Amino acid sequence: MSEQDSPADWEADSPSVDAEVEALQAEVQGLKEQVLRYAAEAENTKRRAEREANDARAYAIQKFGRDLLGVADNLDRAMAAAPGESADPAVKNYVVGVEMTAKELLSAFEKNGLKKIEPARGEKFDPHKHQAMMEQPGGDVEAGGVIQVLQSGYELLGRLLRPAMVVVAAKTGAAPQAPNPYASGGDDGRDGGEVDTRA
């Protein structure tokens, strides 16, 4: 056995071997973490692409559906303007035909994920689904509740296509107060800073 192979020399070299082994293990660990990161990024990219493809398929009819909303509105107006009880059988048949057409269109909408938004009287105003066209005293309806639907809204698979246009019950405010004659700005209290907004 030569002096190069002596156990004493092995013991002297062992710290450098240990350091090299530790460095290689650290490098392997770093590469494993990098591979895991790349795999996670690839999985996230795949999921995002699938979600975008599903959304594209689901919302592909969005423009077509929006274009048909005018047809649905006109059918609703035709039914609202139809005579109540007519003695003329031709008028009765015409009204029945319009109602059947409206129902069929609404059924086709629902089959394709297009849902009508028509809040009931007294339902709380929802700014995510409703558009307030005006406020007026509600009578039996609480402030902020829907009094009347002027035009139905629609949503496609939970995404709003058009808000329902509604009349909302006004909040009851306190009675307007008379201007204070002792307000700052002059002997008669008219400093030009107060504007009468009651009109």
N, C-alpha and C. Protein backbone atom coordinates (compact mmCIF):
# COMPACT_ATOMS: atom_id res chain seq x y z
N MET A 1 0.85 -1.17 0.00
CA MET A 1 0.00 0.00 0.00
C MET A 1 0.89 1.23 0.00
N SER A 2 0.69 2.12 -0.93
CA SER A 2 1.54 3.29 -1.07
C SER A 2 1.14 4.33 -0.04
N GLU A 3 2.02 5.36 0.05
CA GLU A 3 1.74 6.43 1.00
C GLU A 3 0.51 7.23 0.59
N GLN A 4 0.23 7.23 -0.74
CA GLN A 4 -0.95 7.96 -1.21
C GLN A 4 -2.23 7.35 -0.69
N ASP A 5 -2.26 6.04 -0.52
CA ASP A 5 -3.48 5.33 -0.12
C ASP A 5 -3.57 5.13 1.38
N SER A 6 -2.73 5.76 2.14
CA SER A 6 -2.73 5.52 3.59
C SER A 6 -4.01 6.07 4.21
N PRO A 7 -4.49 5.44 5.27
CA PRO A 7 -5.71 5.89 5.95
C PRO A 7 -5.56 7.30 6.49
N ALA A 8 -4.38 7.70 6.85
CA ALA A 8 -4.19 9.05 7.38
C ALA A 8 -4.51 10.09 6.31
N ASP A 9 -4.09 9.79 5.04
CA ASP A 9 -4.39 10.71 3.95
C ASP A 9 -5.90 10.77 3.68
N TRP A 10 -6.57 9.63 3.81
CA TRP A 10 -8.03 9.63 3.59
C TRP A 10 -8.72 10.51 4.62
N GLU A 11 -8.27 10.40 5.84
CA GLU A 11 -8.88 11.22 6.89
C GLU A 11 -8.62 12.69 6.63
N ALA A 12 -7.44 13.01 6.11
CA ALA A 12 -7.12 14.41 5.82
C ALA A 12 -7.98 14.94 4.68
N ASP A 13 -8.30 14.07 3.66
CA ASP A 13 -9.10 14.50 2.51
C ASP A 13 -10.61 14.51 2.79
N SER A 14 -11.06 13.85 3.85
CA SER A 14 -12.49 13.68 4.08
C SER A 14 -13.24 15.01 4.27
N PRO A 15 -12.71 16.07 4.89
CA PRO A 15 -13.46 17.32 4.98
C PRO A 15 -13.75 17.93 3.61
N SER A 16 -12.81 17.85 2.68
CA SER A 16 -13.07 18.40 1.36
C SER A 16 -14.09 17.56 0.60
N VAL A 17 -14.09 16.25 0.79
CA VAL A 17 -15.07 15.36 0.16
C VAL A 17 -16.46 15.65 0.73
N ASP A 18 -16.53 15.82 2.05
CA ASP A 18 -17.82 16.12 2.68
C ASP A 18 -18.38 17.44 2.16
N ALA A 19 -17.51 18.43 2.02
CA ALA A 19 -17.95 19.73 1.53
C ALA A 19 -18.46 19.61 0.09
N GLU A 20 -17.76 18.80 -0.70
CA GLU A 20 -18.18 18.60 -2.09
C GLU A 20 -19.51 17.87 -2.16
N VAL A 21 -19.69 16.87 -1.30
CA VAL A 21 -20.96 16.12 -1.26
C VAL A 21 -22.10 17.05 -0.84
N GLU A 22 -21.85 17.88 0.17
CA GLU A 22 -22.89 18.82 0.62
C GLU A 22 -23.24 19.81 -0.48
N ALA A 23 -22.25 20.28 -1.21
CA ALA A 23 -22.50 21.21 -2.30
C ALA A 23 -23.34 20.55 -3.39
N LEU A 24 -23.02 19.29 -3.70
CA LEU A 24 -23.78 18.57 -4.72
C LEU A 24 -25.22 18.32 -4.26
N GLN A 25 -25.38 17.97 -2.97
CA GLN A 25 -26.74 17.76 -2.43
C GLN A 25 -27.55 19.05 -2.47
N ALA A 26 -26.90 20.17 -2.14
CA ALA A 26 -27.60 21.46 -2.20
C ALA A 26 -28.00 21.79 -3.63
N GLU A 27 -27.13 21.47 -4.58
CA GLU A 27 -27.44 21.73 -5.98
C GLU A 27 -28.62 20.86 -6.44
N VAL A 28 -28.61 19.58 -6.02
CA VAL A 28 -29.71 18.67 -6.38
C VAL A 28 -31.02 19.19 -5.79
N GLN A 29 -30.97 19.64 -4.53
CA GLN A 29 -32.18 20.17 -3.88
C GLN A 29 -32.70 21.40 -4.62
N GLY A 30 -31.79 22.29 -5.01
CA GLY A 30 -32.19 23.48 -5.77
C GLY A 30 -32.83 23.11 -7.10
N LEU A 31 -32.24 22.11 -7.78
CA LEU A 31 -32.81 21.68 -9.06
C LEU A 31 -34.19 21.04 -8.87
N LYS A 32 -34.36 20.29 -7.78
CA LYS A 32 -35.69 19.70 -7.50
C LYS A 32 -36.73 20.80 -7.29
N GLU A 33 -36.37 21.82 -6.51
CA GLU A 33 -37.30 22.92 -6.27
C GLU A 33 -37.64 23.64 -7.57
N GLN A 34 -36.63 23.81 -8.42
CA GLN A 34 -36.86 24.48 -9.70
C GLN A 34 -37.80 23.67 -10.58
N VAL A 35 -37.62 22.35 -10.60
CA VAL A 35 -38.49 21.47 -11.39
C VAL A 35 -39.92 21.55 -10.85
N LEU A 36 -40.07 21.56 -9.51
CA LEU A 36 -41.41 21.66 -8.93
C LEU A 36 -42.08 22.99 -9.29
N ARG A 37 -41.30 24.07 -9.27
CA ARG A 37 -41.84 25.38 -9.65
C ARG A 37 -42.30 25.37 -11.10
N TYR A 38 -41.47 24.82 -11.98
CA TYR A 38 -41.84 24.76 -13.40
C TYR A 38 -43.10 23.91 -13.61
N ALA A 39 -43.18 22.80 -12.86
CA ALA A 39 -44.36 21.93 -12.98
C ALA A 39 -45.61 22.66 -12.51
N ALA A 40 -45.50 23.42 -11.40
CA ALA A 40 -46.65 24.18 -10.88
C ALA A 40 -47.06 25.28 -11.87
N GLU A 41 -46.08 25.96 -12.46
CA GLU A 41 -46.38 26.99 -13.45
C GLU A 41 -47.06 26.39 -14.68
N ALA A 42 -46.59 25.23 -15.10
CA ALA A 42 -47.20 24.57 -16.26
C ALA A 42 -48.64 24.17 -15.95
N GLU A 43 -48.88 23.66 -14.73
CA GLU A 43 -50.23 23.27 -14.33
C GLU A 43 -51.15 24.49 -14.26
N ASN A 44 -50.64 25.60 -13.70
CA ASN A 44 -51.44 26.83 -13.63
C ASN A 44 -51.76 27.37 -15.02
N THR A 45 -50.79 27.31 -15.93
CA THR A 45 -51.02 27.76 -17.30
C THR A 45 -52.06 26.89 -17.98
N LYS A 46 -52.00 25.60 -17.73
CA LYS A 46 -52.97 24.67 -18.33
C LYS A 46 -54.37 24.96 -17.80
N ARG A 47 -54.50 25.16 -16.48
CA ARG A 47 -55.81 25.46 -15.89
C ARG A 47 -56.37 26.78 -16.42
N ARG A 48 -55.49 27.80 -16.51
CA ARG A 48 -55.93 29.10 -17.00
C ARG A 48 -56.40 28.99 -18.45
N ALA A 49 -55.67 28.23 -19.27
CA ALA A 49 -56.06 28.06 -20.67
C ALA A 49 -57.40 27.33 -20.77
N GLU A 50 -57.60 26.31 -19.92
CA GLU A 50 -58.88 25.58 -19.93
C GLU A 50 -60.02 26.50 -19.52
N ARG A 51 -59.78 27.32 -18.47
CA ARG A 51 -60.82 28.23 -17.99
C ARG A 51 -61.17 29.26 -19.07
N GLU A 52 -60.15 29.79 -19.73
CA GLU A 52 -60.40 30.77 -20.80
C GLU A 52 -61.14 30.14 -21.97
N ALA A 53 -60.79 28.90 -22.29
CA ALA A 53 -61.49 28.21 -23.38
C ALA A 53 -62.95 27.95 -23.00
N ASN A 54 -63.19 27.54 -21.74
CA ASN A 54 -64.56 27.32 -21.29
C ASN A 54 -65.36 28.62 -21.30
N ASP A 55 -64.74 29.71 -20.85
CA ASP A 55 -65.42 31.01 -20.87
C ASP A 55 -65.73 31.43 -22.29
N ALA A 56 -64.78 31.22 -23.19
CA ALA A 56 -65.00 31.59 -24.59
C ALA A 56 -66.18 30.82 -25.18
N ARG A 57 -66.26 29.51 -24.85
CA ARG A 57 -67.38 28.72 -25.35
C ARG A 57 -68.69 29.18 -24.71
N ALA A 58 -68.65 29.41 -23.39
CA ALA A 58 -69.87 29.76 -22.67
C ALA A 58 -70.41 31.12 -23.10
N TYR A 59 -69.51 32.08 -23.32
CA TYR A 59 -69.94 33.43 -23.62
C TYR A 59 -69.90 33.76 -25.11
N ALA A 60 -69.74 32.74 -25.95
CA ALA A 60 -69.70 32.97 -27.39
C ALA A 60 -71.02 33.53 -27.90
N ILE A 61 -72.12 33.20 -27.22
CA ILE A 61 -73.44 33.67 -27.66
C ILE A 61 -73.81 35.02 -27.04
N GLN A 62 -72.87 35.62 -26.33
CA GLN A 62 -73.17 36.87 -25.63
C GLN A 62 -73.68 37.96 -26.58
N LYS A 63 -72.99 38.20 -27.66
CA LYS A 63 -73.42 39.25 -28.60
C LYS A 63 -74.74 38.87 -29.26
N PHE A 64 -74.86 37.61 -29.64
CA PHE A 64 -76.11 37.15 -30.26
C PHE A 64 -77.28 37.30 -29.29
N GLY A 65 -77.04 36.90 -28.03
CA GLY A 65 -78.08 37.04 -27.01
C GLY A 65 -78.47 38.48 -26.79
N ARG A 66 -77.47 39.37 -26.73
CA ARG A 66 -77.74 40.80 -26.53
C ARG A 66 -78.57 41.35 -27.70
N ASP A 67 -78.28 40.88 -28.92
CA ASP A 67 -79.04 41.34 -30.08
C ASP A 67 -80.50 40.88 -30.03
N LEU A 68 -80.75 39.73 -29.39
CA LEU A 68 -82.12 39.22 -29.31
C LEU A 68 -82.94 39.85 -28.19
N LEU A 69 -82.29 40.60 -27.31
CA LEU A 69 -83.02 41.21 -26.20
C LEU A 69 -84.08 42.19 -26.71
N GLY A 70 -83.80 42.86 -27.81
CA GLY A 70 -84.79 43.78 -28.39
C GLY A 70 -86.04 43.03 -28.83
N VAL A 71 -85.86 41.83 -29.35
CA VAL A 71 -87.00 41.01 -29.77
C VAL A 71 -87.84 40.66 -28.54
N ALA A 72 -87.17 40.25 -27.47
CA ALA A 72 -87.89 39.91 -26.24
C ALA A 72 -88.63 41.12 -25.69
N ASP A 73 -87.99 42.30 -25.74
CA ASP A 73 -88.64 43.52 -25.26
C ASP A 73 -89.90 43.83 -26.07
N ASN A 74 -89.80 43.69 -27.38
CA ASN A 74 -90.97 43.98 -28.24
C ASN A 74 -92.10 43.00 -27.99
N LEU A 75 -91.78 41.74 -27.72
CA LEU A 75 -92.83 40.77 -27.41
C LEU A 75 -93.48 41.11 -26.07
N ASP A 76 -92.67 41.54 -25.08
CA ASP A 76 -93.24 41.96 -23.79
C ASP A 76 -94.18 43.15 -23.98
N ARG A 77 -93.76 44.13 -24.81
CA ARG A 77 -94.61 45.30 -25.05
C ARG A 77 -95.91 44.90 -25.76
N ALA A 78 -95.79 43.96 -26.69
CA ALA A 78 -96.99 43.51 -27.41
C ALA A 78 -97.97 42.83 -26.45
N MET A 79 -97.44 42.04 -25.52
CA MET A 79 -98.34 41.38 -24.56
C MET A 79 -98.95 42.39 -23.59
N ALA A 80 -98.17 43.40 -23.21
CA ALA A 80 -98.69 44.42 -22.29
C ALA A 80 -99.78 45.25 -22.96
N ALA A 81 -99.70 45.45 -24.27
CA ALA A 81 -100.67 46.26 -24.99
C ALA A 81 -101.85 45.45 -25.52
N ALA A 82 -101.82 44.14 -25.34
CA ALA A 82 -102.89 43.29 -25.88
C ALA A 82 -104.20 43.58 -25.16
N PRO A 83 -105.30 43.57 -25.90
CA PRO A 83 -106.59 43.79 -25.26
C PRO A 83 -106.91 42.65 -24.29
N GLY A 84 -107.57 43.02 -23.19
CA GLY A 84 -107.87 42.03 -22.15
C GLY A 84 -108.78 40.92 -22.66
N GLU A 85 -110.05 41.22 -22.73
CA GLU A 85 -111.04 40.24 -23.19
C GLU A 85 -111.66 40.77 -24.48
N SER A 86 -111.30 40.16 -25.56
CA SER A 86 -111.85 40.59 -26.84
C SER A 86 -112.83 39.54 -27.34
N ALA A 87 -113.92 40.02 -27.91
CA ALA A 87 -114.91 39.10 -28.46
C ALA A 87 -114.46 38.53 -29.80
N ASP A 88 -113.53 39.21 -30.44
CA ASP A 88 -113.08 38.80 -31.77
C ASP A 88 -112.12 37.61 -31.63
N PRO A 89 -112.45 36.45 -32.19
CA PRO A 89 -111.58 35.27 -32.07
C PRO A 89 -110.23 35.47 -32.75
N ALA A 90 -110.18 36.28 -33.80
CA ALA A 90 -108.89 36.51 -34.47
C ALA A 90 -107.93 37.26 -33.55
N VAL A 91 -108.44 38.22 -32.80
CA VAL A 91 -107.61 38.98 -31.86
C VAL A 91 -107.14 38.06 -30.74
N LYS A 92 -108.04 37.20 -30.25
CA LYS A 92 -107.68 36.25 -29.19
C LYS A 92 -106.55 35.34 -29.66
N ASN A 93 -106.68 34.81 -30.88
CA ASN A 93 -105.66 33.92 -31.43
C ASN A 93 -104.33 34.65 -31.61
N TYR A 94 -104.41 35.91 -32.02
CA TYR A 94 -103.21 36.72 -32.20
C TYR A 94 -102.48 36.89 -30.86
N VAL A 95 -103.23 37.20 -29.81
CA VAL A 95 -102.64 37.40 -28.47
C VAL A 95 -102.03 36.09 -27.98
N VAL A 96 -102.73 34.98 -28.18
CA VAL A 96 -102.20 33.68 -27.77
C VAL A 96 -100.90 33.37 -28.51
N GLY A 97 -100.87 33.70 -29.80
CA GLY A 97 -99.65 33.47 -30.60
C GLY A 97 -98.47 34.29 -30.10
N VAL A 98 -98.72 35.55 -29.75
CA VAL A 98 -97.65 36.40 -29.22
C VAL A 98 -97.15 35.84 -27.89
N GLU A 99 -98.07 35.42 -27.02
CA GLU A 99 -97.68 34.85 -25.72
C GLU A 99 -96.85 33.58 -25.90
N MET A 100 -97.26 32.73 -26.83
CA MET A 100 -96.52 31.48 -27.08
C MET A 100 -95.13 31.78 -27.63
N THR A 101 -95.03 32.76 -28.52
CA THR A 101 -93.73 33.14 -29.08
C THR A 101 -92.81 33.67 -27.98
N ALA A 102 -93.35 34.51 -27.09
CA ALA A 102 -92.56 35.06 -25.99
C ALA A 102 -92.08 33.95 -25.06
N LYS A 103 -92.96 33.00 -24.75
CA LYS A 103 -92.57 31.88 -23.88
C LYS A 103 -91.50 31.02 -24.53
N GLU A 104 -91.64 30.79 -25.82
CA GLU A 104 -90.66 29.97 -26.54
C GLU A 104 -89.29 30.65 -26.57
N LEU A 105 -89.29 31.96 -26.79
CA LEU A 105 -88.03 32.70 -26.80
C LEU A 105 -87.38 32.66 -25.42
N LEU A 106 -88.18 32.86 -24.37
CA LEU A 106 -87.65 32.82 -23.01
C LEU A 106 -87.11 31.42 -22.68
N SER A 107 -87.78 30.39 -23.15
CA SER A 107 -87.31 29.02 -22.94
C SER A 107 -85.98 28.78 -23.65
N ALA A 108 -85.85 29.30 -24.87
CA ALA A 108 -84.58 29.18 -25.61
C ALA A 108 -83.47 29.93 -24.89
N PHE A 109 -83.79 31.10 -24.35
CA PHE A 109 -82.81 31.85 -23.57
C PHE A 109 -82.31 31.02 -22.40
N GLU A 110 -83.25 30.46 -21.63
CA GLU A 110 -82.89 29.70 -20.43
C GLU A 110 -82.07 28.46 -20.76
N LYS A 111 -82.37 27.81 -21.87
CA LYS A 111 -81.61 26.62 -22.27
C LYS A 111 -80.15 26.96 -22.55
N ASN A 112 -79.91 28.21 -22.97
CA ASN A 112 -78.56 28.64 -23.30
C ASN A 112 -77.92 29.50 -22.21
N GLY A 113 -78.52 29.49 -21.03
CA GLY A 113 -77.92 30.17 -19.88
C GLY A 113 -78.26 31.64 -19.77
N LEU A 114 -79.22 32.12 -20.55
CA LEU A 114 -79.62 33.52 -20.51
C LEU A 114 -80.86 33.63 -19.61
N LYS A 115 -80.71 34.37 -18.51
CA LYS A 115 -81.76 34.42 -17.50
C LYS A 115 -82.32 35.83 -17.40
N LYS A 116 -83.64 35.92 -17.28
CA LYS A 116 -84.32 37.21 -17.19
C LYS A 116 -84.22 37.74 -15.76
N ILE A 117 -83.95 39.05 -15.64
CA ILE A 117 -83.92 39.71 -14.33
C ILE A 117 -85.15 40.61 -14.27
N GLU A 118 -86.10 40.24 -13.43
CA GLU A 118 -87.32 41.02 -13.29
C GLU A 118 -87.67 41.08 -11.81
N PRO A 119 -87.13 42.08 -11.08
CA PRO A 119 -87.37 42.14 -9.64
C PRO A 119 -88.84 42.37 -9.31
N ALA A 120 -89.29 41.76 -8.23
CA ALA A 120 -90.67 41.91 -7.78
C ALA A 120 -90.83 43.25 -7.07
N ARG A 121 -92.05 43.72 -6.99
CA ARG A 121 -92.33 44.98 -6.29
C ARG A 121 -91.92 44.82 -4.82
N GLY A 122 -91.16 45.79 -4.34
CA GLY A 122 -90.71 45.76 -2.96
C GLY A 122 -89.35 45.12 -2.77
N GLU A 123 -88.85 44.44 -3.81
CA GLU A 123 -87.52 43.82 -3.72
C GLU A 123 -86.46 44.90 -3.58
N LYS A 124 -85.44 44.61 -2.77
CA LYS A 124 -84.38 45.59 -2.52
C LYS A 124 -83.62 45.87 -3.81
N PHE A 125 -83.33 47.15 -4.04
CA PHE A 125 -82.56 47.57 -5.22
C PHE A 125 -81.15 46.99 -5.14
N ASP A 126 -80.71 46.33 -6.20
CA ASP A 126 -79.38 45.74 -6.28
C ASP A 126 -78.61 46.44 -7.40
N PRO A 127 -77.62 47.27 -7.05
CA PRO A 127 -76.91 48.02 -8.10
C PRO A 127 -76.12 47.14 -9.06
N HIS A 128 -75.92 45.87 -8.71
CA HIS A 128 -75.21 44.96 -9.59
C HIS A 128 -76.12 44.38 -10.68
N LYS A 129 -77.45 44.47 -10.45
CA LYS A 129 -78.39 43.90 -11.42
C LYS A 129 -79.44 44.89 -11.90
N HIS A 130 -79.59 45.99 -11.17
CA HIS A 130 -80.65 46.95 -11.49
C HIS A 130 -80.05 48.31 -11.82
N GLN A 131 -80.78 49.06 -12.63
CA GLN A 131 -80.41 50.45 -12.93
C GLN A 131 -81.61 51.31 -12.57
N ALA A 132 -81.40 52.22 -11.60
CA ALA A 132 -82.48 53.10 -11.17
C ALA A 132 -82.68 54.19 -12.21
N MET A 133 -83.87 54.26 -12.76
CA MET A 133 -84.19 55.28 -13.76
C MET A 133 -84.79 56.52 -13.11
N MET A 134 -85.47 56.32 -11.98
CA MET A 134 -86.04 57.44 -11.24
C MET A 134 -86.41 56.99 -9.84
N GLU A 135 -86.61 57.98 -8.97
CA GLU A 135 -87.09 57.72 -7.61
C GLU A 135 -88.43 58.41 -7.46
N GLN A 136 -89.31 57.78 -6.70
CA GLN A 136 -90.59 58.40 -6.41
C GLN A 136 -91.08 57.84 -5.09
N PRO A 137 -92.02 58.52 -4.44
CA PRO A 137 -92.53 58.00 -3.16
C PRO A 137 -93.09 56.59 -3.35
N GLY A 138 -92.72 55.73 -2.42
CA GLY A 138 -93.06 54.33 -2.59
C GLY A 138 -94.38 53.89 -2.03
N GLY A 139 -95.00 54.69 -1.16
CA GLY A 139 -96.26 54.26 -0.55
C GLY A 139 -96.02 53.06 0.34
N ASP A 140 -96.43 51.88 -0.12
CA ASP A 140 -96.27 50.66 0.68
C ASP A 140 -94.88 50.04 0.54
N VAL A 141 -94.04 50.56 -0.35
CA VAL A 141 -92.70 50.00 -0.58
C VAL A 141 -91.69 50.78 0.26
N GLU A 142 -90.82 50.05 0.95
CA GLU A 142 -89.79 50.69 1.77
C GLU A 142 -88.80 51.44 0.88
N ALA A 143 -88.17 52.46 1.47
CA ALA A 143 -87.17 53.24 0.74
C ALA A 143 -86.07 52.33 0.23
N GLY A 144 -85.70 52.52 -1.03
CA GLY A 144 -84.66 51.69 -1.64
C GLY A 144 -85.20 50.42 -2.27
N GLY A 145 -86.52 50.22 -2.20
CA GLY A 145 -87.13 49.05 -2.82
C GLY A 145 -87.59 49.36 -4.23
N VAL A 146 -87.77 48.32 -5.03
CA VAL A 146 -88.22 48.47 -6.41
C VAL A 146 -89.73 48.67 -6.43
N ILE A 147 -90.17 49.73 -7.09
CA ILE A 147 -91.61 50.00 -7.22
C ILE A 147 -92.13 49.39 -8.52
N GLN A 148 -91.37 49.58 -9.60
CA GLN A 148 -91.84 49.16 -10.92
C GLN A 148 -90.64 48.81 -11.80
N VAL A 149 -90.81 47.83 -12.67
CA VAL A 149 -89.79 47.47 -13.66
C VAL A 149 -90.18 48.10 -14.99
N LEU A 150 -89.31 48.97 -15.49
CA LEU A 150 -89.58 49.61 -16.78
C LEU A 150 -89.11 48.75 -17.94
N GLN A 151 -87.99 48.05 -17.72
CA GLN A 151 -87.47 47.14 -18.75
C GLN A 151 -86.72 46.02 -18.04
N SER A 152 -87.00 44.78 -18.43
CA SER A 152 -86.35 43.63 -17.81
C SER A 152 -84.86 43.61 -18.12
N GLY A 153 -84.08 43.06 -17.21
CA GLY A 153 -82.66 42.87 -17.43
C GLY A 153 -82.39 41.41 -17.75
N TYR A 154 -81.15 41.13 -18.15
CA TYR A 154 -80.77 39.76 -18.47
C TYR A 154 -79.32 39.52 -18.05
N GLU A 155 -79.05 38.27 -17.64
CA GLU A 155 -77.68 37.86 -17.35
C GLU A 155 -77.40 36.54 -18.05
N LEU A 156 -76.17 36.37 -18.49
CA LEU A 156 -75.75 35.16 -19.19
C LEU A 156 -74.77 34.41 -18.30
N LEU A 157 -75.21 33.27 -17.80
CA LEU A 157 -74.39 32.43 -16.91
C LEU A 157 -73.78 33.25 -15.77
N GLY A 158 -74.59 34.10 -15.17
CA GLY A 158 -74.14 34.91 -14.05
C GLY A 158 -73.48 36.22 -14.43
N ARG A 159 -73.20 36.43 -15.70
CA ARG A 159 -72.59 37.69 -16.16
C ARG A 159 -73.69 38.60 -16.68
N LEU A 160 -73.73 39.83 -16.17
CA LEU A 160 -74.79 40.77 -16.53
C LEU A 160 -74.66 41.21 -17.98
N LEU A 161 -75.75 41.03 -18.73
CA LEU A 161 -75.80 41.53 -20.11
C LEU A 161 -76.45 42.91 -20.15
N ARG A 162 -77.52 43.04 -19.37
CA ARG A 162 -78.22 44.32 -19.32
C ARG A 162 -78.94 44.40 -17.97
N PRO A 163 -78.77 45.51 -17.25
CA PRO A 163 -79.46 45.63 -15.97
C PRO A 163 -80.95 45.88 -16.17
N ALA A 164 -81.74 45.49 -15.19
CA ALA A 164 -83.17 45.79 -15.22
C ALA A 164 -83.34 47.27 -14.89
N MET A 165 -84.12 47.97 -15.72
CA MET A 165 -84.36 49.40 -15.48
C MET A 165 -85.59 49.52 -14.60
N VAL A 166 -85.39 50.14 -13.43
CA VAL A 166 -86.44 50.14 -12.42
C VAL A 166 -86.71 51.54 -11.87
N VAL A 167 -87.89 51.66 -11.25
CA VAL A 167 -88.26 52.84 -10.47
C VAL A 167 -88.07 52.44 -9.02
N VAL A 168 -87.36 53.29 -8.26
CA VAL A 168 -87.01 52.97 -6.87
C VAL A 168 -87.77 53.88 -5.92
N ALA A 169 -88.17 53.34 -4.78
CA ALA A 169 -88.84 54.13 -3.75
C ALA A 169 -87.86 55.11 -3.14
N ALA A 170 -88.26 56.38 -3.10
CA ALA A 170 -87.38 57.43 -2.57
C ALA A 170 -87.31 57.33 -1.06
N LYS A 171 -86.18 57.77 -0.54
CA LYS A 171 -86.02 57.83 0.92
C LYS A 171 -86.81 59.01 1.43
N THR A 172 -87.54 58.79 2.49
CA THR A 172 -88.32 59.89 3.06
C THR A 172 -87.39 60.76 3.87
N GLY A 173 -87.27 62.03 3.47
CA GLY A 173 -86.38 62.97 4.15
C GLY A 173 -87.16 63.85 5.10
N ALA A 174 -86.43 64.58 5.90
CA ALA A 174 -87.07 65.52 6.82
C ALA A 174 -87.64 66.69 6.01
N ALA A 175 -88.61 67.37 6.62
CA ALA A 175 -89.22 68.52 5.95
C ALA A 175 -88.17 69.60 5.73
N PRO A 176 -88.22 70.28 4.59
CA PRO A 176 -87.22 71.32 4.34
C PRO A 176 -87.31 72.42 5.39
N GLN A 177 -86.16 72.89 5.80
CA GLN A 177 -86.10 73.92 6.84
C GLN A 177 -86.05 75.29 6.19
N ALA A 178 -86.63 76.28 6.90
CA ALA A 178 -86.58 77.66 6.42
C ALA A 178 -85.16 78.17 6.60
N PRO A 179 -84.70 79.08 5.71
CA PRO A 179 -83.34 79.62 5.87
C PRO A 179 -83.21 80.39 7.18
N ASN A 180 -82.04 80.33 7.77
CA ASN A 180 -81.76 80.99 9.04
C ASN A 180 -81.44 82.47 8.77
N PRO A 181 -82.24 83.41 9.31
CA PRO A 181 -81.96 84.83 9.05
C PRO A 181 -80.72 85.33 9.77
N TYR A 182 -80.21 84.55 10.71
CA TYR A 182 -79.03 84.97 11.47
C TYR A 182 -77.76 84.29 11.00
N ALA A 183 -77.77 83.72 9.80
CA ALA A 183 -76.57 83.07 9.28
C ALA A 183 -75.50 84.10 9.03
N SER A 184 -74.24 83.69 9.04
CA SER A 184 -73.13 84.63 8.87
C SER A 184 -73.11 85.19 7.46
N GLY A 185 -72.55 86.42 7.33
CA GLY A 185 -72.37 86.99 6.01
C GLY A 185 -73.10 88.28 5.79
N GLY A 186 -73.93 88.71 6.69
CA GLY A 186 -74.63 89.97 6.49
C GLY A 186 -75.72 90.14 7.52
N ASP A 187 -76.30 91.32 7.54
CA ASP A 187 -77.34 91.58 8.52
C ASP A 187 -78.58 90.75 8.28
N ASP A 188 -78.90 90.51 7.01
CA ASP A 188 -80.12 89.75 6.73
C ASP A 188 -79.84 88.27 6.50
N GLY A 189 -78.57 87.86 6.66
CA GLY A 189 -78.25 86.43 6.54
C GLY A 189 -78.06 85.98 5.11
N ARG A 190 -78.14 86.86 4.13
CA ARG A 190 -77.98 86.44 2.75
C ARG A 190 -76.55 86.71 2.31
N ASP A 191 -75.73 85.64 2.34
CA ASP A 191 -74.34 85.83 1.95
C ASP A 191 -74.06 85.23 0.58
N GLY A 192 -75.08 84.72 -0.05
CA GLY A 192 -74.90 84.11 -1.36
C GLY A 192 -74.42 82.68 -1.30
N GLY A 193 -74.15 82.17 -0.10
CA GLY A 193 -73.65 80.79 0.03
C GLY A 193 -74.75 79.77 0.12
N GLU A 194 -75.96 80.18 0.43
CA GLU A 194 -77.07 79.23 0.54
C GLU A 194 -77.87 79.24 -0.75
N VAL A 195 -78.18 78.07 -1.25
CA VAL A 195 -78.95 77.94 -2.47
C VAL A 195 -80.20 77.15 -2.13
N ASP A 196 -81.33 77.63 -2.53
CA ASP A 196 -82.59 76.94 -2.28
C ASP A 196 -82.72 75.82 -3.30
N THR A 197 -82.66 74.58 -2.83
CA THR A 197 -82.72 73.42 -3.73
C THR A 197 -84.06 72.71 -3.63
N ARG A 198 -85.04 73.35 -3.05
CA ARG A 198 -86.34 72.68 -2.85
C ARG A 198 -87.18 72.62 -4.11
N ALA A 199 -86.87 73.42 -5.11
CA ALA A 199 -87.68 73.46 -6.33
C ALA A 199 -87.44 72.26 -7.18
